Amino acid sequence: MIHFHYIIRKPASIVPMMALLWIFFTGCHENKRPDLDSPDKGTIHISVDESFQPVIDSQIMVYEALHPGTKIIADYKPEAECFKDLIKDSTKMIIVTRGLTPVEEQYYKDSISVSPTWAKIAYDAIAVIVNINSPDSIFHKGELKSILDGSAASNLTAVFDGLKETSTIRYVMDSVLRGKPFDQKRVFAEKNSEAVINYVANHQNAIGFVGVSWIGNPEDTTQMSFLTKVKIASVECNCPEDALVKPYQANIMLGRYPFTRSLFYIIKEQYNGLASGFAHFMQFEKGQLIFRRSYLMPAILPNYVRDAELRSN
């Protein structure tokens, strides 16, 4: 048995520790004010990368059930729009696929006099999907790159959840195309992940790129209905052996699936409010188990890979 235990911590120093203590004690005092929300009451708006709508909907549903006096209103949109929302007074938290750069930290500090904090909460994968009747369901990374940049003689077209400002597009441009442009005749956009799935379901020569939480959960009836129309392709493994893998949890955890990314929350709350309560919920056991059930990999909860044997009678 191999035991993996991921713990995400920011570098410690005495200054951040003093700042955290100040926030804790002043937060306890401020939460006595009736105009402030708390982990147990109030309403907040958050902005979330649309790639993660299924799993964040589940997180919110469970949190609100455990805290009946709360309401978390999630606006799902492209990742770049989430970062723009962070400057708005009405947005207490964003959920995206990266933390802040030092330049962004300074920008938000100068603009809203707050230094946002963030943490990694899960690992995700970008699934490659094809039509249920497609003869192509196995791809090498070089083959996908040549389809996307137009250098391959192929009749396949690629569809994304938008051609700019989405985390999926940013990931593919950085990690697959490595700076080369998309072939505009072969690559195009639908408005969101569900529309990508529906397009691929109706076009046999299309391949789509979506977050695995939209398509990988066999316990979700909606996703099971998707899998009657599309199938998840196998992709060249990130491993020494010549293998093909799908975005299953073990392949995400072991780094075998090539298209993986992280999921972060970023909050700008300076008191112990509802955004902080929801962030802590996603970091601890109940929230981490929801990520696991949604076929992402928890970033903090211990994860296990167990050896198994198939025996014939």
Protein backbone atom coordinates (compact mmCIF):
# COMPACT_ATOMS: atom_id res chain seq x y z
CA MET A 1 0.00 0.00 0.00
CA ILE A 2 1.27 3.45 -0.92
CA HIS A 3 0.20 6.27 1.37
CA PHE A 4 0.13 9.82 0.04
CA HIS A 5 -0.61 12.70 2.36
CA TYR A 6 -0.80 16.16 0.84
CA ILE A 7 -0.67 19.16 3.16
CA ILE A 8 -0.61 22.63 1.64
CA ARG A 9 0.89 25.38 3.79
CA LYS A 10 2.13 28.85 2.98
CA PRO A 11 5.67 29.72 4.17
CA ALA A 12 5.60 30.67 7.83
CA SER A 13 7.17 33.71 9.43
CA ILE A 14 6.47 35.72 12.54
CA VAL A 15 4.86 38.61 10.64
CA PRO A 16 2.11 36.50 8.95
CA MET A 17 1.51 34.70 12.24
CA MET A 18 0.98 38.00 14.05
CA ALA A 19 -1.34 39.12 11.25
CA LEU A 20 -3.39 35.93 11.57
CA LEU A 21 -3.68 36.38 15.33
CA TRP A 22 -4.84 39.96 14.82
CA ILE A 23 -7.48 38.86 12.30
CA PHE A 24 -8.65 36.11 14.66
CA PHE A 25 -9.11 38.33 17.69
CA THR A 26 -10.56 41.30 15.83
CA GLY A 27 -12.73 38.92 13.82
CA CYS A 28 -14.21 37.47 16.98
CA HIS A 29 -15.05 40.97 18.13
CA GLU A 30 -16.38 42.19 14.78
CA ASN A 31 -18.64 39.19 14.33
CA LYS A 32 -20.73 40.50 17.20
CA ARG A 33 -21.87 43.29 14.89
CA PRO A 34 -25.30 42.47 13.44
CA ASP A 35 -24.37 43.81 9.98
CA LEU A 36 -21.59 41.24 9.46
CA ASP A 37 -22.04 37.71 8.20
CA SER A 38 -20.53 34.78 10.08
CA PRO A 39 -19.86 31.10 9.35
CA ASP A 40 -23.40 30.38 10.63
CA LYS A 41 -25.45 33.24 9.17
CA GLY A 42 -25.66 35.68 6.32
CA THR A 43 -25.47 35.80 2.53
CA ILE A 44 -22.38 36.20 0.35
CA HIS A 45 -21.52 36.20 -3.34
CA ILE A 46 -18.59 34.19 -4.67
CA SER A 47 -17.20 33.86 -8.21
CA VAL A 48 -16.21 30.40 -9.41
CA ASP A 49 -14.42 29.08 -12.47
CA GLU A 50 -17.21 27.51 -14.53
CA SER A 51 -15.14 24.33 -15.00
CA PHE A 52 -15.95 23.40 -11.40
CA GLN A 53 -19.68 24.09 -11.21
CA PRO A 54 -20.80 20.51 -10.41
CA VAL A 55 -18.45 20.02 -7.46
CA ILE A 56 -18.85 23.55 -6.02
CA ASP A 57 -22.64 23.22 -6.27
CA SER A 58 -22.27 20.09 -4.12
CA GLN A 59 -20.02 21.88 -1.62
CA ILE A 60 -22.48 24.75 -1.25
CA MET A 61 -25.49 22.44 -0.92
CA VAL A 62 -23.89 20.51 1.96
CA TYR A 63 -22.55 23.64 3.70
CA GLU A 64 -25.95 25.37 3.61
CA ALA A 65 -27.63 22.20 4.91
CA LEU A 66 -25.23 22.15 7.87
CA HIS A 67 -25.61 25.92 8.43
CA PRO A 68 -29.29 26.72 7.71
CA GLY A 69 -28.84 30.46 8.31
CA THR A 70 -26.42 30.85 5.40
CA LYS A 71 -26.75 31.50 1.68
CA ILE A 72 -23.79 31.28 -0.71
CA ILE A 73 -24.60 32.65 -4.16
CA ALA A 74 -22.08 31.36 -6.72
CA ASP A 75 -21.59 33.11 -10.04
CA TYR A 76 -19.96 30.71 -12.53
CA LYS A 77 -17.84 32.38 -15.20
CA PRO A 78 -14.45 32.29 -16.99
CA GLU A 79 -11.48 32.34 -14.64
CA ALA A 80 -10.23 35.76 -15.75
CA GLU A 81 -13.61 37.25 -14.86
CA CYS A 82 -13.35 35.72 -11.39
CA PHE A 83 -10.07 37.56 -10.79
CA LYS A 84 -11.69 40.81 -11.93
CA ASP A 85 -14.54 40.22 -9.46
CA LEU A 86 -12.11 39.98 -6.54
CA ILE A 87 -11.83 43.77 -6.53
CA LYS A 88 -15.61 44.18 -6.10
CA ASP A 89 -16.99 44.80 -2.63
CA SER A 90 -19.76 42.25 -3.23
CA THR A 91 -17.38 39.33 -4.01
CA LYS A 92 -15.90 37.78 -0.86
CA MET A 93 -14.22 34.75 -2.45
CA ILE A 94 -13.17 33.33 -5.80
CA ILE A 95 -12.45 29.68 -6.66
CA VAL A 96 -9.91 29.31 -9.47
CA THR A 97 -7.01 27.17 -10.72
CA ARG A 98 -4.11 29.26 -9.41
CA GLY A 99 -3.07 31.50 -6.55
CA LEU A 100 -1.99 35.13 -6.85
CA THR A 101 1.31 36.32 -8.27
CA PRO A 102 3.31 38.85 -6.19
CA VAL A 103 2.28 41.56 -8.67
CA GLU A 104 -1.39 40.67 -8.23
CA GLU A 105 -1.03 40.59 -4.44
CA GLN A 106 0.35 44.11 -4.50
CA TYR A 107 -2.35 45.27 -6.92
CA TYR A 108 -5.17 44.07 -4.69
CA LYS A 109 -3.46 45.47 -1.60
CA ASP A 110 -3.15 48.88 -3.27
CA SER A 111 -6.66 48.79 -4.78
CA ILE A 112 -8.76 47.48 -1.90
CA SER A 113 -6.34 47.82 1.05
CA VAL A 114 -6.56 44.08 1.67
CA SER A 115 -4.05 41.28 1.13
CA PRO A 116 -6.10 38.29 -0.07
CA THR A 117 -5.20 34.85 1.26
CA TRP A 118 -5.50 31.55 -0.56
CA ALA A 119 -4.96 27.81 -0.28
CA LYS A 120 -4.97 24.76 -2.54
CA ILE A 121 -7.97 22.51 -1.90
CA ALA A 122 -8.04 19.88 -4.68
CA TYR A 123 -6.45 18.53 -7.85
CA ASP A 124 -8.42 18.39 -11.08
CA ALA A 125 -7.92 16.99 -14.57
CA ILE A 126 -8.98 18.20 -18.00
CA ALA A 127 -10.81 15.34 -19.69
CA VAL A 128 -10.67 14.83 -23.45
CA ILE A 129 -14.06 13.69 -24.73
CA VAL A 130 -15.22 12.34 -28.09
CA ASN A 131 -18.53 11.36 -29.63
CA ILE A 132 -19.85 7.98 -28.48
CA ASN A 133 -19.54 6.67 -32.08
CA SER A 134 -16.12 8.16 -32.78
CA PRO A 135 -13.45 5.70 -33.92
CA ASP A 136 -10.81 7.98 -32.33
CA SER A 137 -10.65 7.58 -28.55
CA ILE A 138 -6.88 7.27 -28.01
CA PHE A 139 -4.56 10.27 -28.30
CA HIS A 140 -0.87 10.92 -27.85
CA LYS A 141 0.07 14.37 -26.57
CA GLY A 142 1.86 15.23 -29.82
CA GLU A 143 -1.24 14.26 -31.80
CA LEU A 144 -3.47 16.55 -29.74
CA LYS A 145 -0.98 19.40 -30.17
CA SER A 146 -0.95 18.96 -33.95
CA ILE A 147 -4.76 18.96 -34.09
CA LEU A 148 -4.92 22.16 -32.04
CA ASP A 149 -2.24 24.06 -33.96
CA GLY A 150 -3.39 22.81 -37.37
CA SER A 151 -0.19 20.98 -38.33
CA ALA A 152 -1.92 17.58 -38.53
CA ALA A 153 -3.81 16.32 -41.57
CA SER A 154 -6.96 15.55 -39.61
CA ASN A 155 -10.68 16.11 -39.99
CA LEU A 156 -11.12 16.44 -36.21
CA THR A 157 -12.20 19.76 -34.72
CA ALA A 158 -11.64 20.82 -31.11
CA VAL A 159 -14.15 22.67 -28.94
CA PHE A 160 -13.55 24.54 -25.67
CA ASP A 161 -15.57 26.44 -23.10
CA GLY A 162 -14.61 29.78 -24.66
CA LEU A 163 -11.54 30.79 -26.69
CA LYS A 164 -10.14 33.24 -24.12
CA GLU A 165 -10.10 33.94 -20.39
CA THR A 166 -11.01 30.38 -19.34
CA SER A 167 -8.72 28.22 -17.21
CA THR A 168 -9.01 25.32 -19.68
CA ILE A 169 -7.83 27.48 -22.56
CA ARG A 170 -5.00 28.94 -20.47
CA TYR A 171 -3.86 25.46 -19.42
CA VAL A 172 -3.89 24.05 -22.95
CA MET A 173 -2.05 27.06 -24.38
CA ASP A 174 0.63 26.85 -21.68
CA SER A 175 1.01 23.08 -21.29
CA VAL A 176 0.05 21.60 -24.67
CA LEU A 177 0.65 24.26 -27.33
CA ARG A 178 3.48 25.89 -25.34
CA GLY A 179 2.96 29.31 -26.86
CA LYS A 180 1.88 28.30 -30.37
CA PRO A 181 -1.48 29.72 -31.51
CA PHE A 182 -4.64 27.72 -32.06
CA ASP A 183 -5.69 26.88 -35.59
CA GLN A 184 -8.72 29.18 -35.81
CA LYS A 185 -10.28 27.02 -38.55
CA ARG A 186 -10.17 23.88 -36.43
CA VAL A 187 -10.64 25.17 -32.86
CA PHE A 188 -13.71 27.02 -31.66
CA ALA A 189 -15.77 27.74 -28.59
CA GLU A 190 -19.05 26.97 -26.92
CA LYS A 191 -20.41 29.09 -24.07
CA ASN A 192 -19.70 26.65 -21.22
CA SER A 193 -18.71 23.07 -20.37
CA GLU A 194 -22.20 21.62 -20.74
CA ALA A 195 -22.46 23.15 -24.21
CA VAL A 196 -19.10 21.56 -25.10
CA ILE A 197 -20.42 18.14 -24.07
CA ASN A 198 -23.61 18.62 -26.09
CA TYR A 199 -21.67 19.76 -29.16
CA VAL A 200 -19.41 16.70 -29.06
CA ALA A 201 -22.49 14.51 -28.58
CA ASN A 202 -23.90 15.87 -31.85
CA HIS A 203 -20.72 15.90 -33.96
CA GLN A 204 -18.80 12.69 -34.56
CA ASN A 205 -15.61 14.45 -35.69
CA ALA A 206 -15.35 16.72 -32.62
CA ILE A 207 -13.17 16.43 -29.55
CA GLY A 208 -13.91 18.45 -26.42
CA PHE A 209 -11.94 19.58 -23.38
CA VAL A 210 -13.79 19.85 -20.05
CA GLY A 211 -13.03 19.64 -16.34
CA VAL A 212 -13.35 16.08 -15.06
CA SER A 213 -15.96 17.09 -12.48
CA TRP A 214 -18.37 17.57 -15.40
CA ILE A 215 -17.98 14.07 -16.77
CA GLY A 216 -16.13 11.74 -14.39
CA ASN A 217 -18.58 11.02 -11.56
CA PRO A 218 -20.47 7.74 -12.07
CA GLU A 219 -22.70 8.55 -9.07
CA ASP A 220 -24.11 11.67 -10.77
CA THR A 221 -27.18 10.87 -12.90
CA THR A 222 -26.66 13.90 -15.14
CA GLN A 223 -23.09 12.86 -15.88
CA MET A 224 -24.23 9.32 -16.54
CA SER A 225 -26.66 10.69 -19.13
CA PHE A 226 -23.74 12.58 -20.72
CA LEU A 227 -21.79 9.33 -20.99
CA THR A 228 -24.51 7.78 -23.15
CA LYS A 229 -23.61 10.43 -25.77
CA VAL A 230 -19.86 10.98 -25.35
CA LYS A 231 -16.94 8.95 -24.05
CA ILE A 232 -13.75 9.89 -22.22
CA ALA A 233 -10.66 9.39 -24.36
CA SER A 234 -7.42 7.77 -23.21
CA VAL A 235 -4.30 9.94 -23.37
CA GLU A 236 -0.58 9.15 -23.45
CA CYS A 237 0.66 8.52 -19.92
CA ASN A 238 3.18 10.66 -18.04
CA CYS A 239 5.18 7.58 -17.11
CA PRO A 240 8.20 5.55 -18.27
CA GLU A 241 6.13 2.75 -19.77
CA ASP A 242 4.19 3.04 -23.01
CA ALA A 243 0.68 3.36 -21.59
CA LEU A 244 -2.61 5.17 -22.15
CA VAL A 245 -4.60 6.53 -19.23
CA LYS A 246 -7.87 8.22 -18.39
CA PRO A 247 -8.42 11.00 -15.82
CA TYR A 248 -9.19 8.62 -12.95
CA GLN A 249 -8.31 9.70 -9.42
CA ALA A 250 -5.33 7.37 -9.04
CA ASN A 251 -3.86 8.67 -12.31
CA ILE A 252 -4.34 12.25 -11.13
CA MET A 253 -2.73 11.54 -7.75
CA LEU A 254 0.22 9.65 -9.17
CA GLY A 255 0.82 12.22 -11.92
CA ARG A 256 0.22 9.64 -14.66
CA TYR A 257 -2.55 11.62 -16.36
CA PRO A 258 -0.86 14.47 -18.27
CA PHE A 259 -3.49 17.22 -18.04
CA THR A 260 -3.87 17.97 -14.33
CA ARG A 261 -4.24 21.25 -12.49
CA SER A 262 -4.90 22.53 -8.98
CA LEU A 263 -7.95 24.20 -7.45
CA PHE A 264 -7.61 27.16 -5.06
CA TYR A 265 -9.85 29.43 -3.05
CA ILE A 266 -8.85 33.08 -2.66
CA ILE A 267 -10.60 35.20 -0.01
CA LYS A 268 -10.25 38.84 0.99
CA GLU A 269 -12.25 38.69 4.21
CA GLN A 270 -10.61 40.34 7.22
CA TYR A 271 -12.89 38.82 9.85
CA ASN A 272 -14.28 35.39 10.67
CA GLY A 273 -17.17 35.54 8.25
CA LEU A 274 -19.11 33.24 5.96
CA ALA A 275 -16.40 33.17 3.28
CA SER A 276 -13.87 32.03 5.89
CA GLY A 277 -16.30 29.41 7.17
CA PHE A 278 -16.89 28.02 3.68
CA ALA A 279 -13.15 28.03 2.94
CA HIS A 280 -12.43 26.07 6.13
CA PHE A 281 -15.24 23.63 5.30
CA MET A 282 -13.67 22.83 1.92
CA GLN A 283 -10.28 22.28 3.58
CA PHE A 284 -11.48 19.86 6.23
CA GLU A 285 -12.93 16.38 6.16
CA LYS A 286 -16.47 16.91 4.86
CA GLY A 287 -15.41 19.24 2.07
CA GLN A 288 -12.43 17.09 1.11
CA LEU A 289 -14.68 14.03 0.90
CA ILE A 290 -17.01 15.92 -1.45
CA PHE A 291 -14.05 16.54 -3.77
CA ARG A 292 -13.19 12.86 -3.61
CA ARG A 293 -16.78 11.79 -4.40
CA SER A 294 -16.78 14.20 -7.33
CA TYR A 295 -13.72 12.40 -8.74
CA LEU A 296 -11.25 15.18 -8.06
CA MET A 297 -8.30 14.48 -5.76
CA PRO A 298 -8.42 16.14 -2.32
CA ALA A 299 -5.33 18.25 -1.70
CA ILE A 300 -5.33 17.90 2.09
CA LEU A 301 -7.18 14.73 3.09
CA PRO A 302 -4.88 11.66 3.07
CA ASN A 303 -5.22 9.64 -0.14
CA TYR A 304 -4.46 5.97 -0.59
CA VAL A 305 -3.69 3.62 -3.45
CA ARG A 306 -4.28 0.00 -2.58
CA ASP A 307 -3.01 -2.99 -4.51
CA ALA A 308 -5.78 -5.30 -5.72
CA GLU A 309 -5.85 -8.81 -7.10
CA LEU A 310 -8.36 -10.29 -9.51
CA ARG A 311 -9.05 -13.93 -8.78
CA SER A 312 -11.01 -16.31 -10.92
CA ASN A 313 -13.13 -19.00 -9.29
